[in-house]
Amino acid sequence: MKIEVDYDLCENHAQCVFAAPDAFRMNASDELEFDAEVDDSLREDVQSAADACPVQAIRITG
């Protein structure tokens, strides 16, 4: 599964990190980092992360 994050929209609320910590994380500068490709077994968590994003910056593309 592929994930895209629109960094122009992302405001680093970190709701995705709570919903899918195996795919999303905050770095030392409190900026979002994520794995662009993750195993399909994480689909439910990543979808929850996309749904939880207050600015809808996350998209599942594959």
N, C-alpha and C. Protein backbone atom coordinates (compact mmCIF):
# COMPACT_ATOMS: atom_id res chain seq x y z
N MET A 1 0.85 -1.16 0.00
CA MET A 1 0.00 0.00 0.00
C MET A 1 0.90 1.23 0.00
N LYS A 2 0.48 2.25 -0.74
CA LYS A 2 1.25 3.49 -0.81
C LYS A 2 0.49 4.61 -0.10
N ILE A 3 1.26 5.48 0.54
CA ILE A 3 0.71 6.61 1.28
C ILE A 3 1.31 7.89 0.74
N GLU A 4 0.48 8.91 0.61
CA GLU A 4 0.95 10.25 0.25
C GLU A 4 0.49 11.22 1.32
N VAL A 5 1.35 12.17 1.65
CA VAL A 5 1.00 13.24 2.57
C VAL A 5 1.26 14.56 1.85
N ASP A 6 0.26 15.40 1.83
CA ASP A 6 0.40 16.73 1.24
C ASP A 6 0.98 17.65 2.32
N TYR A 7 2.29 17.88 2.23
CA TYR A 7 2.96 18.70 3.24
C TYR A 7 2.53 20.17 3.18
N ASP A 8 1.91 20.58 2.08
CA ASP A 8 1.37 21.94 2.02
C ASP A 8 0.15 22.09 2.93
N LEU A 9 -0.55 20.97 3.14
CA LEU A 9 -1.71 20.97 4.03
C LEU A 9 -1.37 20.58 5.46
N CYS A 10 -0.42 19.67 5.62
CA CYS A 10 -0.08 19.11 6.93
C CYS A 10 0.33 20.20 7.91
N GLU A 11 -0.28 20.15 9.09
CA GLU A 11 0.03 21.12 10.15
C GLU A 11 0.66 20.44 11.37
N ASN A 12 1.12 19.19 11.21
CA ASN A 12 1.81 18.43 12.25
C ASN A 12 1.00 18.28 13.53
N HIS A 13 -0.29 17.99 13.37
CA HIS A 13 -1.14 17.74 14.54
C HIS A 13 -0.83 16.38 15.17
N ALA A 14 -0.25 15.49 14.41
CA ALA A 14 0.20 14.17 14.85
C ALA A 14 -0.93 13.19 15.16
N GLN A 15 -2.13 13.47 14.72
CA GLN A 15 -3.22 12.52 14.93
C GLN A 15 -2.95 11.20 14.20
N CYS A 16 -2.26 11.27 13.07
CA CYS A 16 -1.91 10.07 12.31
C CYS A 16 -0.94 9.19 13.09
N VAL A 17 -0.06 9.82 13.84
CA VAL A 17 0.93 9.08 14.62
C VAL A 17 0.23 8.23 15.68
N PHE A 18 -0.80 8.78 16.29
CA PHE A 18 -1.56 8.04 17.30
C PHE A 18 -2.36 6.90 16.65
N ALA A 19 -2.89 7.14 15.46
CA ALA A 19 -3.73 6.15 14.79
C ALA A 19 -2.92 5.04 14.12
N ALA A 20 -1.75 5.37 13.60
CA ALA A 20 -0.94 4.40 12.86
C ALA A 20 0.55 4.61 13.13
N PRO A 21 0.99 4.30 14.34
CA PRO A 21 2.40 4.54 14.70
C PRO A 21 3.41 3.71 13.92
N ASP A 22 2.95 2.64 13.26
CA ASP A 22 3.87 1.84 12.46
C ASP A 22 4.14 2.47 11.09
N ALA A 23 3.38 3.50 10.74
CA ALA A 23 3.56 4.15 9.45
C ALA A 23 3.96 5.62 9.58
N PHE A 24 3.53 6.28 10.67
CA PHE A 24 3.76 7.71 10.84
C PHE A 24 4.52 7.96 12.15
N ARG A 25 5.35 9.00 12.15
CA ARG A 25 6.11 9.36 13.35
C ARG A 25 6.50 10.84 13.26
N MET A 26 6.80 11.42 14.38
CA MET A 26 7.30 12.79 14.42
C MET A 26 8.81 12.73 14.62
N ASN A 27 9.54 13.56 13.91
CA ASN A 27 11.00 13.57 14.06
C ASN A 27 11.41 14.51 15.20
N ALA A 28 12.69 14.67 15.40
CA ALA A 28 13.21 15.48 16.51
C ALA A 28 12.81 16.95 16.40
N SER A 29 12.46 17.39 15.19
CA SER A 29 12.02 18.77 14.97
C SER A 29 10.50 18.90 15.03
N ASP A 30 9.83 17.84 15.50
CA ASP A 30 8.36 17.79 15.56
C ASP A 30 7.70 17.98 14.21
N GLU A 31 8.32 17.39 13.18
CA GLU A 31 7.75 17.38 11.84
C GLU A 31 7.40 15.94 11.48
N LEU A 32 6.33 15.78 10.72
CA LEU A 32 5.85 14.46 10.35
C LEU A 32 6.81 13.76 9.40
N GLU A 33 7.03 12.49 9.68
CA GLU A 33 7.73 11.59 8.76
C GLU A 33 6.82 10.38 8.61
N PHE A 34 6.91 9.72 7.46
CA PHE A 34 6.07 8.54 7.24
C PHE A 34 6.73 7.61 6.25
N ASP A 35 6.28 6.37 6.24
CA ASP A 35 6.75 5.39 5.27
C ASP A 35 5.84 5.47 4.06
N ALA A 36 6.40 5.75 2.90
CA ALA A 36 5.61 5.91 1.69
C ALA A 36 4.96 4.61 1.23
N GLU A 37 5.56 3.49 1.59
CA GLU A 37 4.99 2.18 1.29
C GLU A 37 4.98 1.35 2.56
N VAL A 38 3.83 0.78 2.86
CA VAL A 38 3.68 -0.08 4.03
C VAL A 38 2.91 -1.33 3.64
N ASP A 39 3.00 -2.33 4.47
CA ASP A 39 2.31 -3.58 4.24
C ASP A 39 0.80 -3.38 4.30
N ASP A 40 0.08 -4.13 3.49
CA ASP A 40 -1.38 -4.03 3.47
C ASP A 40 -2.03 -4.36 4.81
N SER A 41 -1.31 -5.06 5.67
CA SER A 41 -1.85 -5.38 6.99
C SER A 41 -2.09 -4.12 7.83
N LEU A 42 -1.48 -3.00 7.43
CA LEU A 42 -1.65 -1.73 8.15
C LEU A 42 -2.76 -0.86 7.56
N ARG A 43 -3.45 -1.36 6.55
CA ARG A 43 -4.45 -0.56 5.84
C ARG A 43 -5.50 0.05 6.77
N GLU A 44 -6.03 -0.73 7.69
CA GLU A 44 -7.06 -0.22 8.59
C GLU A 44 -6.53 0.92 9.45
N ASP A 45 -5.31 0.76 9.98
CA ASP A 45 -4.71 1.81 10.80
C ASP A 45 -4.42 3.07 9.98
N VAL A 46 -3.90 2.88 8.77
CA VAL A 46 -3.58 4.03 7.92
C VAL A 46 -4.86 4.74 7.50
N GLN A 47 -5.92 3.98 7.23
CA GLN A 47 -7.20 4.62 6.90
C GLN A 47 -7.71 5.42 8.09
N SER A 48 -7.55 4.88 9.29
CA SER A 48 -7.94 5.61 10.50
C SER A 48 -7.12 6.89 10.64
N ALA A 49 -5.84 6.81 10.31
CA ALA A 49 -4.97 7.99 10.36
C ALA A 49 -5.44 9.05 9.37
N ALA A 50 -5.78 8.62 8.15
CA ALA A 50 -6.26 9.56 7.14
C ALA A 50 -7.57 10.19 7.60
N ASP A 51 -8.45 9.40 8.19
CA ASP A 51 -9.73 9.91 8.67
C ASP A 51 -9.55 10.88 9.83
N ALA A 52 -8.53 10.64 10.65
CA ALA A 52 -8.30 11.47 11.84
C ALA A 52 -7.59 12.79 11.52
N CYS A 53 -6.99 12.88 10.36
CA CYS A 53 -6.24 14.10 10.01
C CYS A 53 -7.20 15.28 9.90
N PRO A 54 -7.00 16.31 10.73
CA PRO A 54 -7.93 17.44 10.73
C PRO A 54 -7.90 18.28 9.46
N VAL A 55 -6.84 18.15 8.66
CA VAL A 55 -6.76 18.91 7.41
C VAL A 55 -6.79 18.01 6.18
N GLN A 56 -7.05 16.70 6.39
CA GLN A 56 -7.18 15.73 5.31
C GLN A 56 -5.96 15.75 4.37
N ALA A 57 -4.77 15.69 4.98
CA ALA A 57 -3.53 15.75 4.21
C ALA A 57 -3.02 14.37 3.77
N ILE A 58 -3.65 13.30 4.25
CA ILE A 58 -3.17 11.94 3.99
C ILE A 58 -4.05 11.27 2.95
N ARG A 59 -3.39 10.59 2.00
CA ARG A 59 -4.11 9.87 0.97
C ARG A 59 -3.48 8.50 0.77
N ILE A 60 -4.30 7.49 0.69
CA ILE A 60 -3.86 6.14 0.36
C ILE A 60 -3.99 5.99 -1.15
N THR A 61 -2.88 5.64 -1.80
CA THR A 61 -2.89 5.60 -3.26
C THR A 61 -2.74 4.21 -3.83
N GLY A 62 -2.54 3.23 -3.02
CA GLY A 62 -2.38 1.88 -3.58
C GLY A 62 -2.63 0.83 -2.57
